[in-house]
Amino acid sequence: MDHRRTNIIYSTHPETIVEDVKPQEELCKSEQDLRVHLDRRGGGKIVTLIRGFVGTKNDCNALGKELRKKCGVGGTVKHNEILVQGNVRELVLNILIKKGYRAKPSGG
């Protein structure tokens, strides 16, 4: 279970204090522990899912964009998870490792 703070606060109480939370800075590539999964999403379509990225939303979006471009497919980034359309796990693993990330296949 993921216990990271989501930084979402909703309150109607007038005395609620909201702290400014700094965005998480990206870890060094060699310190990242990325897991590359295959998953079935709506309609039974297979996607390659990259989990474990630690960094800002912009850094995650940039990595997702680069992976989608190099794989020649679409995808998205949600909740610091990168989704790449199709079964391109081996290609994604090779790209991440060449970029210096610590990446491993996960799941079946």
N, C-alpha and C. Protein backbone atom coordinates (compact mmCIF):
# COMPACT_ATOMS: atom_id res chain seq x y z
N MET A 1 0.84 -1.18 0.00
CA MET A 1 0.00 0.00 0.00
C MET A 1 0.88 1.24 0.00
N ASP A 2 0.51 2.22 -0.74
CA ASP A 2 1.29 3.44 -0.87
C ASP A 2 0.84 4.44 0.20
N HIS A 3 1.78 4.87 1.05
CA HIS A 3 1.43 5.77 2.13
C HIS A 3 1.97 7.18 1.91
N ARG A 4 2.26 7.54 0.68
CA ARG A 4 2.74 8.90 0.40
C ARG A 4 1.61 9.89 0.62
N ARG A 5 1.99 11.10 1.03
CA ARG A 5 0.99 12.16 1.20
C ARG A 5 0.53 12.62 -0.17
N THR A 6 -0.74 12.82 -0.31
CA THR A 6 -1.28 13.28 -1.59
C THR A 6 -1.37 14.79 -1.65
N ASN A 7 -1.18 15.47 -0.51
CA ASN A 7 -1.19 16.92 -0.43
C ASN A 7 -2.52 17.52 -0.85
N ILE A 8 -3.59 16.78 -0.72
CA ILE A 8 -4.92 17.29 -1.04
C ILE A 8 -5.66 17.51 0.28
N ILE A 9 -6.09 18.73 0.47
CA ILE A 9 -6.81 19.07 1.69
C ILE A 9 -8.11 19.74 1.30
N TYR A 10 -9.19 19.29 1.90
CA TYR A 10 -10.47 19.93 1.67
C TYR A 10 -11.12 20.15 3.03
N SER A 11 -11.47 21.37 3.29
CA SER A 11 -12.12 21.68 4.55
C SER A 11 -13.00 22.90 4.38
N THR A 12 -14.15 22.88 5.04
CA THR A 12 -15.02 24.05 5.04
C THR A 12 -14.84 24.85 6.31
N HIS A 13 -13.98 24.37 7.20
CA HIS A 13 -13.75 25.06 8.46
C HIS A 13 -12.92 26.32 8.19
N PRO A 14 -13.36 27.50 8.68
CA PRO A 14 -12.67 28.76 8.35
C PRO A 14 -11.29 28.89 8.96
N GLU A 15 -10.94 28.09 9.97
CA GLU A 15 -9.63 28.21 10.60
C GLU A 15 -8.64 27.15 10.11
N THR A 16 -8.96 26.47 9.05
CA THR A 16 -8.07 25.44 8.51
C THR A 16 -6.81 26.09 7.97
N ILE A 17 -5.68 25.54 8.37
CA ILE A 17 -4.38 26.04 7.92
C ILE A 17 -3.83 25.04 6.91
N VAL A 18 -3.44 25.56 5.77
CA VAL A 18 -2.87 24.71 4.72
C VAL A 18 -1.38 25.02 4.63
N GLU A 19 -0.56 23.99 4.79
CA GLU A 19 0.88 24.16 4.70
C GLU A 19 1.31 24.16 3.25
N ASP A 20 2.31 24.97 2.93
CA ASP A 20 2.91 24.91 1.61
C ASP A 20 3.84 23.71 1.58
N VAL A 21 3.58 22.80 0.67
CA VAL A 21 4.39 21.60 0.56
C VAL A 21 5.25 21.72 -0.68
N LYS A 22 6.56 21.59 -0.48
CA LYS A 22 7.48 21.68 -1.61
C LYS A 22 7.37 20.43 -2.46
N PRO A 23 7.45 20.58 -3.79
CA PRO A 23 7.41 19.39 -4.64
C PRO A 23 8.63 18.52 -4.36
N GLN A 24 8.44 17.24 -4.51
CA GLN A 24 9.51 16.30 -4.26
C GLN A 24 10.55 16.41 -5.36
N GLU A 25 11.81 16.52 -4.97
CA GLU A 25 12.87 16.62 -5.96
C GLU A 25 13.24 15.23 -6.47
N GLU A 26 13.65 15.20 -7.72
CA GLU A 26 14.00 13.93 -8.35
C GLU A 26 15.25 13.35 -7.72
N LEU A 27 15.21 12.06 -7.45
CA LEU A 27 16.40 11.35 -7.00
C LEU A 27 17.35 11.19 -8.17
N CYS A 28 18.61 10.96 -7.87
CA CYS A 28 19.59 10.65 -8.90
C CYS A 28 19.09 9.42 -9.67
N LYS A 29 19.33 9.37 -10.97
CA LYS A 29 18.82 8.26 -11.79
C LYS A 29 19.23 6.90 -11.24
N SER A 30 20.47 6.80 -10.76
CA SER A 30 20.93 5.50 -10.26
C SER A 30 20.28 5.14 -8.93
N GLU A 31 19.65 6.11 -8.25
CA GLU A 31 18.96 5.84 -6.99
C GLU A 31 17.48 5.52 -7.19
N GLN A 32 16.98 5.77 -8.39
CA GLN A 32 15.58 5.47 -8.68
C GLN A 32 15.41 3.95 -8.72
N ASP A 33 14.33 3.47 -8.15
CA ASP A 33 14.04 2.03 -8.17
C ASP A 33 12.74 1.84 -8.95
N LEU A 34 12.84 1.78 -10.27
CA LEU A 34 11.67 1.71 -11.14
C LEU A 34 11.28 0.26 -11.40
N ARG A 35 9.99 0.02 -11.40
CA ARG A 35 9.44 -1.30 -11.72
C ARG A 35 8.58 -1.15 -12.97
N VAL A 36 8.79 -2.05 -13.92
CA VAL A 36 8.06 -1.98 -15.18
C VAL A 36 7.11 -3.18 -15.24
N HIS A 37 5.81 -2.88 -15.25
CA HIS A 37 4.75 -3.88 -15.23
C HIS A 37 4.02 -3.92 -16.56
N LEU A 38 3.32 -5.02 -16.79
CA LEU A 38 2.32 -5.09 -17.84
C LEU A 38 0.98 -5.14 -17.15
N ASP A 39 0.01 -4.40 -17.67
CA ASP A 39 -1.30 -4.33 -17.04
C ASP A 39 -2.36 -4.27 -18.12
N ARG A 40 -3.56 -4.68 -17.78
CA ARG A 40 -4.69 -4.56 -18.70
C ARG A 40 -5.57 -3.43 -18.21
N ARG A 41 -5.85 -2.51 -19.08
CA ARG A 41 -6.72 -1.38 -18.74
C ARG A 41 -8.05 -1.53 -19.44
N GLY A 42 -8.90 -0.53 -19.31
CA GLY A 42 -10.25 -0.57 -19.88
C GLY A 42 -10.29 -1.17 -21.27
N GLY A 43 -11.20 -2.08 -21.48
CA GLY A 43 -11.33 -2.74 -22.77
C GLY A 43 -10.36 -3.88 -22.96
N GLY A 44 -9.59 -4.21 -21.92
CA GLY A 44 -8.66 -5.33 -21.99
C GLY A 44 -7.37 -5.04 -22.74
N LYS A 45 -7.10 -3.76 -23.02
CA LYS A 45 -5.88 -3.41 -23.75
C LYS A 45 -4.68 -3.43 -22.81
N ILE A 46 -3.57 -3.91 -23.32
CA ILE A 46 -2.35 -4.01 -22.53
C ILE A 46 -1.61 -2.68 -22.53
N VAL A 47 -1.13 -2.29 -21.34
CA VAL A 47 -0.27 -1.12 -21.23
C VAL A 47 0.97 -1.51 -20.45
N THR A 48 2.05 -0.80 -20.72
CA THR A 48 3.27 -0.95 -19.96
C THR A 48 3.25 0.14 -18.91
N LEU A 49 3.43 -0.24 -17.65
CA LEU A 49 3.27 0.67 -16.53
C LEU A 49 4.60 0.79 -15.79
N ILE A 50 5.08 2.02 -15.61
CA ILE A 50 6.33 2.26 -14.90
C ILE A 50 5.98 2.88 -13.56
N ARG A 51 6.36 2.20 -12.48
CA ARG A 51 6.08 2.67 -11.11
C ARG A 51 7.38 2.91 -10.37
N GLY A 52 7.28 3.78 -9.36
CA GLY A 52 8.42 3.99 -8.47
C GLY A 52 9.21 5.25 -8.76
N PHE A 53 8.77 6.07 -9.73
CA PHE A 53 9.51 7.29 -10.03
C PHE A 53 9.36 8.28 -8.88
N VAL A 54 10.47 8.83 -8.43
CA VAL A 54 10.46 9.83 -7.36
C VAL A 54 10.98 11.13 -7.95
N GLY A 55 10.12 12.13 -7.97
CA GLY A 55 10.52 13.43 -8.51
C GLY A 55 9.32 14.31 -8.72
N THR A 56 9.54 15.44 -9.35
CA THR A 56 8.46 16.38 -9.58
C THR A 56 7.55 15.88 -10.69
N LYS A 57 6.38 16.47 -10.74
CA LYS A 57 5.41 16.10 -11.78
C LYS A 57 5.97 16.40 -13.16
N ASN A 58 6.68 17.53 -13.30
CA ASN A 58 7.26 17.90 -14.59
C ASN A 58 8.33 16.90 -15.03
N ASP A 59 9.15 16.44 -14.08
CA ASP A 59 10.19 15.45 -14.41
C ASP A 59 9.56 14.13 -14.86
N CYS A 60 8.50 13.73 -14.16
CA CYS A 60 7.80 12.49 -14.51
C CYS A 60 7.15 12.62 -15.89
N ASN A 61 6.52 13.77 -16.15
CA ASN A 61 5.91 14.01 -17.46
C ASN A 61 6.95 13.98 -18.57
N ALA A 62 8.12 14.57 -18.32
CA ALA A 62 9.18 14.60 -19.32
C ALA A 62 9.68 13.19 -19.63
N LEU A 63 9.86 12.37 -18.59
CA LEU A 63 10.31 10.99 -18.82
C LEU A 63 9.24 10.21 -19.57
N GLY A 64 7.98 10.39 -19.19
CA GLY A 64 6.88 9.72 -19.88
C GLY A 64 6.83 10.10 -21.35
N LYS A 65 6.99 11.38 -21.63
CA LYS A 65 6.97 11.86 -23.02
C LYS A 65 8.10 11.24 -23.82
N GLU A 66 9.29 11.19 -23.22
CA GLU A 66 10.45 10.61 -23.91
C GLU A 66 10.23 9.12 -24.20
N LEU A 67 9.70 8.40 -23.23
CA LEU A 67 9.45 6.96 -23.43
C LEU A 67 8.41 6.73 -24.52
N ARG A 68 7.33 7.51 -24.50
CA ARG A 68 6.29 7.35 -25.52
C ARG A 68 6.85 7.66 -26.91
N LYS A 69 7.67 8.69 -27.00
CA LYS A 69 8.24 9.08 -28.29
C LYS A 69 9.18 7.99 -28.82
N LYS A 70 10.05 7.48 -27.96
CA LYS A 70 11.01 6.45 -28.38
C LYS A 70 10.33 5.13 -28.73
N CYS A 71 9.18 4.86 -28.08
CA CYS A 71 8.44 3.63 -28.38
C CYS A 71 7.47 3.83 -29.53
N GLY A 72 7.21 5.07 -29.90
CA GLY A 72 6.30 5.35 -31.01
C GLY A 72 4.85 5.05 -30.69
N VAL A 73 4.47 5.24 -29.43
CA VAL A 73 3.09 4.94 -29.01
C VAL A 73 2.58 6.08 -28.13
N GLY A 74 1.32 5.98 -27.75
CA GLY A 74 0.72 6.96 -26.86
C GLY A 74 0.84 6.52 -25.42
N GLY A 75 0.26 7.31 -24.54
CA GLY A 75 0.28 6.98 -23.13
C GLY A 75 -0.03 8.21 -22.30
N THR A 76 0.19 8.10 -21.01
CA THR A 76 -0.09 9.21 -20.11
C THR A 76 0.71 9.04 -18.83
N VAL A 77 0.64 10.07 -17.98
CA VAL A 77 1.25 10.02 -16.65
C VAL A 77 0.16 10.37 -15.64
N LYS A 78 -0.03 9.48 -14.67
CA LYS A 78 -1.02 9.72 -13.61
C LYS A 78 -0.43 9.26 -12.28
N HIS A 79 -0.49 10.12 -11.29
CA HIS A 79 -0.06 9.78 -9.92
C HIS A 79 1.37 9.24 -9.89
N ASN A 80 2.27 9.90 -10.61
CA ASN A 80 3.68 9.49 -10.73
C ASN A 80 3.85 8.07 -11.27
N GLU A 81 2.89 7.60 -12.04
CA GLU A 81 3.01 6.35 -12.78
C GLU A 81 2.95 6.69 -14.26
N ILE A 82 3.84 6.10 -15.02
CA ILE A 82 3.88 6.35 -16.45
C ILE A 82 3.23 5.16 -17.15
N LEU A 83 2.22 5.44 -17.98
CA LEU A 83 1.53 4.41 -18.74
C LEU A 83 1.90 4.58 -20.21
N VAL A 84 2.39 3.52 -20.81
CA VAL A 84 2.76 3.52 -22.22
C VAL A 84 1.91 2.46 -22.90
N GLN A 85 1.24 2.81 -23.98
CA GLN A 85 0.32 1.89 -24.64
C GLN A 85 1.07 0.71 -25.25
N GLY A 86 0.49 -0.47 -25.07
CA GLY A 86 1.03 -1.67 -25.68
C GLY A 86 2.03 -2.41 -24.80
N ASN A 87 2.43 -3.57 -25.28
CA ASN A 87 3.41 -4.39 -24.59
C ASN A 87 4.81 -4.01 -25.10
N VAL A 88 5.37 -2.99 -24.50
CA VAL A 88 6.70 -2.51 -24.88
C VAL A 88 7.63 -2.55 -23.67
N ARG A 89 7.39 -3.51 -22.79
CA ARG A 89 8.15 -3.58 -21.53
C ARG A 89 9.65 -3.73 -21.78
N GLU A 90 10.05 -4.62 -22.66
CA GLU A 90 11.49 -4.82 -22.91
C GLU A 90 12.14 -3.56 -23.47
N LEU A 91 11.46 -2.89 -24.39
CA LEU A 91 11.99 -1.66 -24.97
C LEU A 91 12.11 -0.57 -23.91
N VAL A 92 11.08 -0.42 -23.07
CA VAL A 92 11.11 0.57 -21.99
C VAL A 92 12.24 0.27 -21.01
N LEU A 93 12.40 -1.00 -20.64
CA LEU A 93 13.49 -1.39 -19.74
C LEU A 93 14.85 -1.01 -20.33
N ASN A 94 15.05 -1.31 -21.60
CA ASN A 94 16.32 -0.99 -22.25
C ASN A 94 16.57 0.51 -22.27
N ILE A 95 15.55 1.29 -22.57
CA ILE A 95 15.68 2.75 -22.61
C ILE A 95 16.04 3.28 -21.22
N LEU A 96 15.31 2.83 -20.20
CA LEU A 96 15.56 3.31 -18.83
C LEU A 96 16.97 2.94 -18.36
N ILE A 97 17.40 1.73 -18.63
CA ILE A 97 18.73 1.29 -18.21
C ILE A 97 19.81 2.08 -18.93
N LYS A 98 19.64 2.33 -20.23
CA LYS A 98 20.61 3.13 -20.99
C LYS A 98 20.69 4.55 -20.47
N LYS A 99 19.57 5.08 -19.94
CA LYS A 99 19.54 6.42 -19.38
C LYS A 99 20.14 6.47 -17.97
N GLY A 100 20.45 5.31 -17.40
CA GLY A 100 21.08 5.27 -16.09
C GLY A 100 20.15 4.96 -14.94
N TYR A 101 18.88 4.65 -15.22
CA TYR A 101 17.94 4.31 -14.17
C TYR A 101 18.13 2.87 -13.74
N ARG A 102 17.80 2.57 -12.50
CA ARG A 102 17.77 1.22 -11.99
C ARG A 102 16.35 0.72 -12.23
N ALA A 103 16.15 -0.11 -13.22
CA ALA A 103 14.81 -0.56 -13.61
C ALA A 103 14.79 -2.08 -13.70
N LYS A 104 13.67 -2.65 -13.25
CA LYS A 104 13.51 -4.10 -13.27
C LYS A 104 12.10 -4.44 -13.75
N PRO A 105 11.96 -5.58 -14.44
CA PRO A 105 10.61 -6.02 -14.77
C PRO A 105 9.91 -6.52 -13.51
N SER A 106 8.61 -6.35 -13.49
CA SER A 106 7.85 -6.78 -12.33
C SER A 106 6.55 -7.41 -12.80
N GLY A 107 6.06 -8.37 -12.07
CA GLY A 107 4.82 -9.04 -12.45
C GLY A 107 5.05 -10.10 -13.50
N GLY A 108 3.95 -10.55 -14.12
CA GLY A 108 4.02 -11.67 -15.05
C GLY A 108 4.38 -11.36 -16.42
